[in-house]
Amino acid sequence: MNHANHTDIQNHENTLCLGKSRNIPLRSLAMPFVRISLNRGREIEDLRSISDTVHLCLVEAFAIPEKDKFHAIHQHDPGELVFDADYLGPQRTDGFILLQITGGKERTVEQKKALYALLASRLESLCGFRADDVMVIVSTNDLPDWSFGAGHAQMLEQ
């Protein structure tokens, strides 16, 4: 199905072709998926701000495409988000937020450290979290591990 405002996304010889606009090498894509877990009580506008802040940090630190944003936000009732208040140094409170980031490309230690610092700083300054309450887990996978819908492995299709 082709719509006037639809951008065709195709995979040719390990390159993602975004219509007439540009080609992106598949291996350069981070393909991030972010799961955001925090205690219940935030307004929808706050959740959007948290998501936007996390995304902008990923764009800056990992050089992901600006339009590659897939986040799931989970607010937990008391007792459902379990964490040690002082494991490895930080002093965590009920303001704890856990960011689980899955990406399709391995990043350098320097890129990961830059991301951790950006997230702690910006979530504190823009969203009211304490830096000690920001925990981040980054994991990677490969192109066959993604389906963006319709039962297809778009990143592998020629």
C-alpha atoms as a PDB file:
ATOM      1  CA  MET A   1       0.000   0.000   0.000  1.00  0.00           C
ATOM      2  CA  ASN A   2       1.466   3.358  -1.005  1.00  0.00           C
ATOM      3  CA  HIS A   3       0.243   6.633   0.494  1.00  0.00           C
ATOM      4  CA  ALA A   4       1.194  10.145  -0.602  1.00  0.00           C
ATOM      5  CA  ASN A   5       2.835  10.946   2.762  1.00  0.00           C
ATOM      6  CA  HIS A   6       4.450   7.507   3.149  1.00  0.00           C
ATOM      7  CA  THR A   7       8.253   7.213   2.995  1.00  0.00           C
ATOM      8  CA  ASP A   8       9.344   3.905   1.497  1.00  0.00           C
ATOM      9  CA  ILE A   9      11.884   2.139   3.682  1.00  0.00           C
ATOM     10  CA  GLN A  10      13.874  -0.537   1.896  1.00  0.00           C
ATOM     11  CA  ASN A  11      16.959  -2.607   2.655  1.00  0.00           C
ATOM     12  CA  HIS A  12      19.416  -2.979  -0.224  1.00  0.00           C
ATOM     13  CA  GLU A  13      22.887  -4.484   0.175  1.00  0.00           C
ATOM     14  CA  ASN A  14      23.193  -3.676   3.901  1.00  0.00           C
ATOM     15  CA  THR A  15      21.949  -0.097   3.421  1.00  0.00           C
ATOM     16  CA  LEU A  16      18.659   1.301   4.675  1.00  0.00           C
ATOM     17  CA  CYS A  17      17.144   3.434   1.907  1.00  0.00           C
ATOM     18  CA  LEU A  18      14.826   6.127   3.233  1.00  0.00           C
ATOM     19  CA  GLY A  19      12.970   7.107   0.092  1.00  0.00           C
ATOM     20  CA  LYS A  20      14.777   9.802  -1.868  1.00  0.00           C
ATOM     21  CA  SER A  21      16.191  11.432   1.258  1.00  0.00           C
ATOM     22  CA  ARG A  22      19.226   9.335   2.214  1.00  0.00           C
ATOM     23  CA  ASN A  23      20.822   5.943   2.643  1.00  0.00           C
ATOM     24  CA  ILE A  24      22.041   4.737   6.038  1.00  0.00           C
ATOM     25  CA  PRO A  25      24.398   1.760   6.508  1.00  0.00           C
ATOM     26  CA  LEU A  26      22.449  -0.812   8.541  1.00  0.00           C
ATOM     27  CA  ARG A  27      25.353  -1.471  10.904  1.00  0.00           C
ATOM     28  CA  SER A  28      25.388   2.224  11.900  1.00  0.00           C
ATOM     29  CA  LEU A  29      21.840   2.059  13.276  1.00  0.00           C
ATOM     30  CA  ALA A  30      21.397   1.814  17.027  1.00  0.00           C
ATOM     31  CA  MET A  31      17.778   0.703  16.679  1.00  0.00           C
ATOM     32  CA  PRO A  32      17.133   1.539  20.314  1.00  0.00           C
ATOM     33  CA  PHE A  33      14.234   0.291  22.331  1.00  0.00           C
ATOM     34  CA  VAL A  34      13.926   1.871  25.764  1.00  0.00           C
ATOM     35  CA  ARG A  35      11.977   0.500  28.700  1.00  0.00           C
ATOM     36  CA  ILE A  36      11.483   3.167  31.380  1.00  0.00           C
ATOM     37  CA  SER A  37      10.465   1.903  34.822  1.00  0.00           C
ATOM     38  CA  LEU A  38       9.562   4.231  37.698  1.00  0.00           C
ATOM     39  CA  ASN A  39       7.158   4.516  40.591  1.00  0.00           C
ATOM     40  CA  ARG A  40       3.583   5.519  39.794  1.00  0.00           C
ATOM     41  CA  GLY A  41       2.460   9.112  40.144  1.00  0.00           C
ATOM     42  CA  ARG A  42       3.824  11.074  37.175  1.00  0.00           C
ATOM     43  CA  GLU A  43       1.495  13.047  34.906  1.00  0.00           C
ATOM     44  CA  ILE A  44       1.406  12.201  31.190  1.00  0.00           C
ATOM     45  CA  GLU A  45       3.260  15.448  30.374  1.00  0.00           C
ATOM     46  CA  ASP A  46       6.059  14.407  32.764  1.00  0.00           C
ATOM     47  CA  LEU A  47       6.278  10.990  31.134  1.00  0.00           C
ATOM     48  CA  ARG A  48       6.576  12.595  27.692  1.00  0.00           C
ATOM     49  CA  SER A  49       9.313  14.889  29.002  1.00  0.00           C
ATOM     50  CA  ILE A  50      11.206  11.922  30.462  1.00  0.00           C
ATOM     51  CA  SER A  51      10.905  10.018  27.175  1.00  0.00           C
ATOM     52  CA  ASP A  52      11.979  13.043  25.113  1.00  0.00           C
ATOM     53  CA  THR A  53      14.958  13.670  27.403  1.00  0.00           C
ATOM     54  CA  VAL A  54      16.101  10.050  27.193  1.00  0.00           C
ATOM     55  CA  HIS A  55      15.725  10.103  23.418  1.00  0.00           C
ATOM     56  CA  LEU A  56      17.723  13.314  22.980  1.00  0.00           C
ATOM     57  CA  CYS A  57      20.517  11.838  25.109  1.00  0.00           C
ATOM     58  CA  LEU A  58      20.577   8.778  22.835  1.00  0.00           C
ATOM     59  CA  VAL A  59      20.656  10.967  19.733  1.00  0.00           C
ATOM     60  CA  GLU A  60      23.597  12.889  21.146  1.00  0.00           C
ATOM     61  CA  ALA A  61      25.647  10.090  22.739  1.00  0.00           C
ATOM     62  CA  PHE A  62      24.880   7.209  20.370  1.00  0.00           C
ATOM     63  CA  ALA A  63      24.142   9.194  17.169  1.00  0.00           C
ATOM     64  CA  ILE A  64      20.838   7.412  16.573  1.00  0.00           C
ATOM     65  CA  PRO A  65      18.373   8.759  14.010  1.00  0.00           C
ATOM     66  CA  GLU A  66      16.047  11.381  15.522  1.00  0.00           C
ATOM     67  CA  LYS A  67      12.939   9.559  14.267  1.00  0.00           C
ATOM     68  CA  ASP A  68      14.020   6.173  15.714  1.00  0.00           C
ATOM     69  CA  LYS A  69      12.080   6.443  18.970  1.00  0.00           C
ATOM     70  CA  PHE A  70      10.439   3.412  20.566  1.00  0.00           C
ATOM     71  CA  HIS A  71       9.857   3.615  24.332  1.00  0.00           C
ATOM     72  CA  ALA A  72       7.695   1.702  26.796  1.00  0.00           C
ATOM     73  CA  ILE A  73       7.010   3.475  30.083  1.00  0.00           C
ATOM     74  CA  HIS A  74       6.005   1.412  33.083  1.00  0.00           C
ATOM     75  CA  GLN A  75       4.753   3.041  36.283  1.00  0.00           C
ATOM     76  CA  HIS A  76       4.815   0.692  39.249  1.00  0.00           C
ATOM     77  CA  ASP A  77       2.699   0.564  42.397  1.00  0.00           C
ATOM     78  CA  PRO A  78       4.500   0.635  45.770  1.00  0.00           C
ATOM     79  CA  GLY A  79       6.541  -2.536  46.229  1.00  0.00           C
ATOM     80  CA  GLU A  80       6.601  -3.479  42.537  1.00  0.00           C
ATOM     81  CA  LEU A  81       9.893  -1.725  41.701  1.00  0.00           C
ATOM     82  CA  VAL A  82      12.463  -3.381  43.950  1.00  0.00           C
ATOM     83  CA  PHE A  83      16.005  -2.002  44.277  1.00  0.00           C
ATOM     84  CA  ASP A  84      18.807  -1.764  46.825  1.00  0.00           C
ATOM     85  CA  ALA A  85      18.981   1.777  48.207  1.00  0.00           C
ATOM     86  CA  ASP A  86      22.792   1.966  48.332  1.00  0.00           C
ATOM     87  CA  TYR A  87      24.278  -0.802  46.153  1.00  0.00           C
ATOM     88  CA  LEU A  88      27.685   0.274  44.705  1.00  0.00           C
ATOM     89  CA  GLY A  89      27.502   3.769  46.168  1.00  0.00           C
ATOM     90  CA  PRO A  90      24.537   5.787  44.930  1.00  0.00           C
ATOM     91  CA  GLN A  91      21.876   6.580  47.550  1.00  0.00           C
ATOM     92  CA  ARG A  92      18.608   5.679  45.822  1.00  0.00           C
ATOM     93  CA  THR A  93      15.185   6.923  46.907  1.00  0.00           C
ATOM     94  CA  ASP A  94      11.591   6.248  45.853  1.00  0.00           C
ATOM     95  CA  GLY A  95      12.407   8.575  42.927  1.00  0.00           C
ATOM     96  CA  PHE A  96      14.401   5.695  41.372  1.00  0.00           C
ATOM     97  CA  ILE A  97      14.161   5.321  37.579  1.00  0.00           C
ATOM     98  CA  LEU A  98      15.459   2.322  35.640  1.00  0.00           C
ATOM     99  CA  LEU A  99      16.284   2.701  31.938  1.00  0.00           C
ATOM    100  CA  GLN A 100      16.749  -0.513  29.979  1.00  0.00           C
ATOM    101  CA  ILE A 101      18.129   0.324  26.539  1.00  0.00           C
ATOM    102  CA  THR A 102      18.340  -2.349  23.870  1.00  0.00           C
ATOM    103  CA  GLY A 103      20.222  -1.377  20.733  1.00  0.00           C
ATOM    104  CA  GLY A 104      21.355  -3.187  17.620  1.00  0.00           C
ATOM    105  CA  LYS A 105      24.915  -1.910  17.601  1.00  0.00           C
ATOM    106  CA  GLU A 106      27.632  -2.329  20.203  1.00  0.00           C
ATOM    107  CA  ARG A 107      28.873   1.029  21.518  1.00  0.00           C
ATOM    108  CA  THR A 108      32.277   1.927  22.875  1.00  0.00           C
ATOM    109  CA  VAL A 109      32.908   2.286  26.597  1.00  0.00           C
ATOM    110  CA  GLU A 110      33.361   6.018  26.020  1.00  0.00           C
ATOM    111  CA  GLN A 111      29.980   6.314  24.284  1.00  0.00           C
ATOM    112  CA  LYS A 112      28.278   4.420  27.089  1.00  0.00           C
ATOM    113  CA  LYS A 113      29.918   6.556  29.779  1.00  0.00           C
ATOM    114  CA  ALA A 114      28.884   9.696  27.878  1.00  0.00           C
ATOM    115  CA  LEU A 115      25.300   8.403  27.706  1.00  0.00           C
ATOM    116  CA  TYR A 116      25.204   7.587  31.431  1.00  0.00           C
ATOM    117  CA  ALA A 117      26.488  11.054  32.334  1.00  0.00           C
ATOM    118  CA  LEU A 118      24.048  12.805  29.967  1.00  0.00           C
ATOM    119  CA  LEU A 119      21.084  10.828  31.264  1.00  0.00           C
ATOM    120  CA  ALA A 120      21.890  11.487  34.928  1.00  0.00           C
ATOM    121  CA  SER A 121      22.522  15.181  34.323  1.00  0.00           C
ATOM    122  CA  ARG A 122      19.554  15.895  32.059  1.00  0.00           C
ATOM    123  CA  LEU A 123      17.017  13.784  33.915  1.00  0.00           C
ATOM    124  CA  GLU A 124      18.055  15.707  37.026  1.00  0.00           C
ATOM    125  CA  SER A 125      17.988  19.179  35.485  1.00  0.00           C
ATOM    126  CA  LEU A 126      15.004  18.739  33.154  1.00  0.00           C
ATOM    127  CA  CYS A 127      12.807  16.143  34.863  1.00  0.00           C
ATOM    128  CA  GLY A 128      13.533  16.470  38.582  1.00  0.00           C
ATOM    129  CA  PHE A 129      15.252  13.121  39.187  1.00  0.00           C
ATOM    130  CA  ARG A 130      18.273  12.900  41.465  1.00  0.00           C
ATOM    131  CA  ALA A 131      21.340  11.641  39.580  1.00  0.00           C
ATOM    132  CA  ASP A 132      21.732   8.878  42.203  1.00  0.00           C
ATOM    133  CA  ASP A 133      18.249   7.612  41.287  1.00  0.00           C
ATOM    134  CA  VAL A 134      19.069   7.083  37.584  1.00  0.00           C
ATOM    135  CA  MET A 135      20.084   3.498  36.733  1.00  0.00           C
ATOM    136  CA  VAL A 136      20.870   2.518  33.140  1.00  0.00           C
ATOM    137  CA  ILE A 137      21.316  -0.886  31.535  1.00  0.00           C
ATOM    138  CA  VAL A 138      22.529  -1.051  27.922  1.00  0.00           C
ATOM    139  CA  SER A 139      22.332  -4.312  25.984  1.00  0.00           C
ATOM    140  CA  THR A 140      22.783  -5.095  22.310  1.00  0.00           C
ATOM    141  CA  ASN A 141      21.442  -7.545  19.790  1.00  0.00           C
ATOM    142  CA  ASP A 142      21.646  -8.011  16.018  1.00  0.00           C
ATOM    143  CA  LEU A 143      19.597  -7.211  12.909  1.00  0.00           C
ATOM    144  CA  PRO A 144      17.650 -10.518  12.857  1.00  0.00           C
ATOM    145  CA  ASP A 145      16.353  -9.726  16.357  1.00  0.00           C
ATOM    146  CA  TRP A 146      14.042  -6.928  15.144  1.00  0.00           C
ATOM    147  CA  SER A 147      10.643  -6.844  13.492  1.00  0.00           C
ATOM    148  CA  PHE A 148       9.114  -3.406  13.071  1.00  0.00           C
ATOM    149  CA  GLY A 149       5.693  -4.853  12.272  1.00  0.00           C
ATOM    150  CA  ALA A 150       3.695  -6.820   9.738  1.00  0.00           C
ATOM    151  CA  GLY A 151       5.550 -10.018  10.638  1.00  0.00           C
ATOM    152  CA  HIS A 152       8.651  -9.000   8.687  1.00  0.00           C
ATOM    153  CA  ALA A 153      12.337  -8.692   9.569  1.00  0.00           C
ATOM    154  CA  GLN A 154      12.652  -5.354   7.765  1.00  0.00           C
ATOM    155  CA  MET A 155      16.329  -4.949   8.563  1.00  0.00           C
ATOM    156  CA  LEU A 156      17.137  -8.213   6.706  1.00  0.00           C
ATOM    157  CA  GLU A 157      14.837  -7.927   3.708  1.00  0.00           C
ATOM    158  CA  GLN A 158      16.354  -7.141   0.345  1.00  0.00           C
END
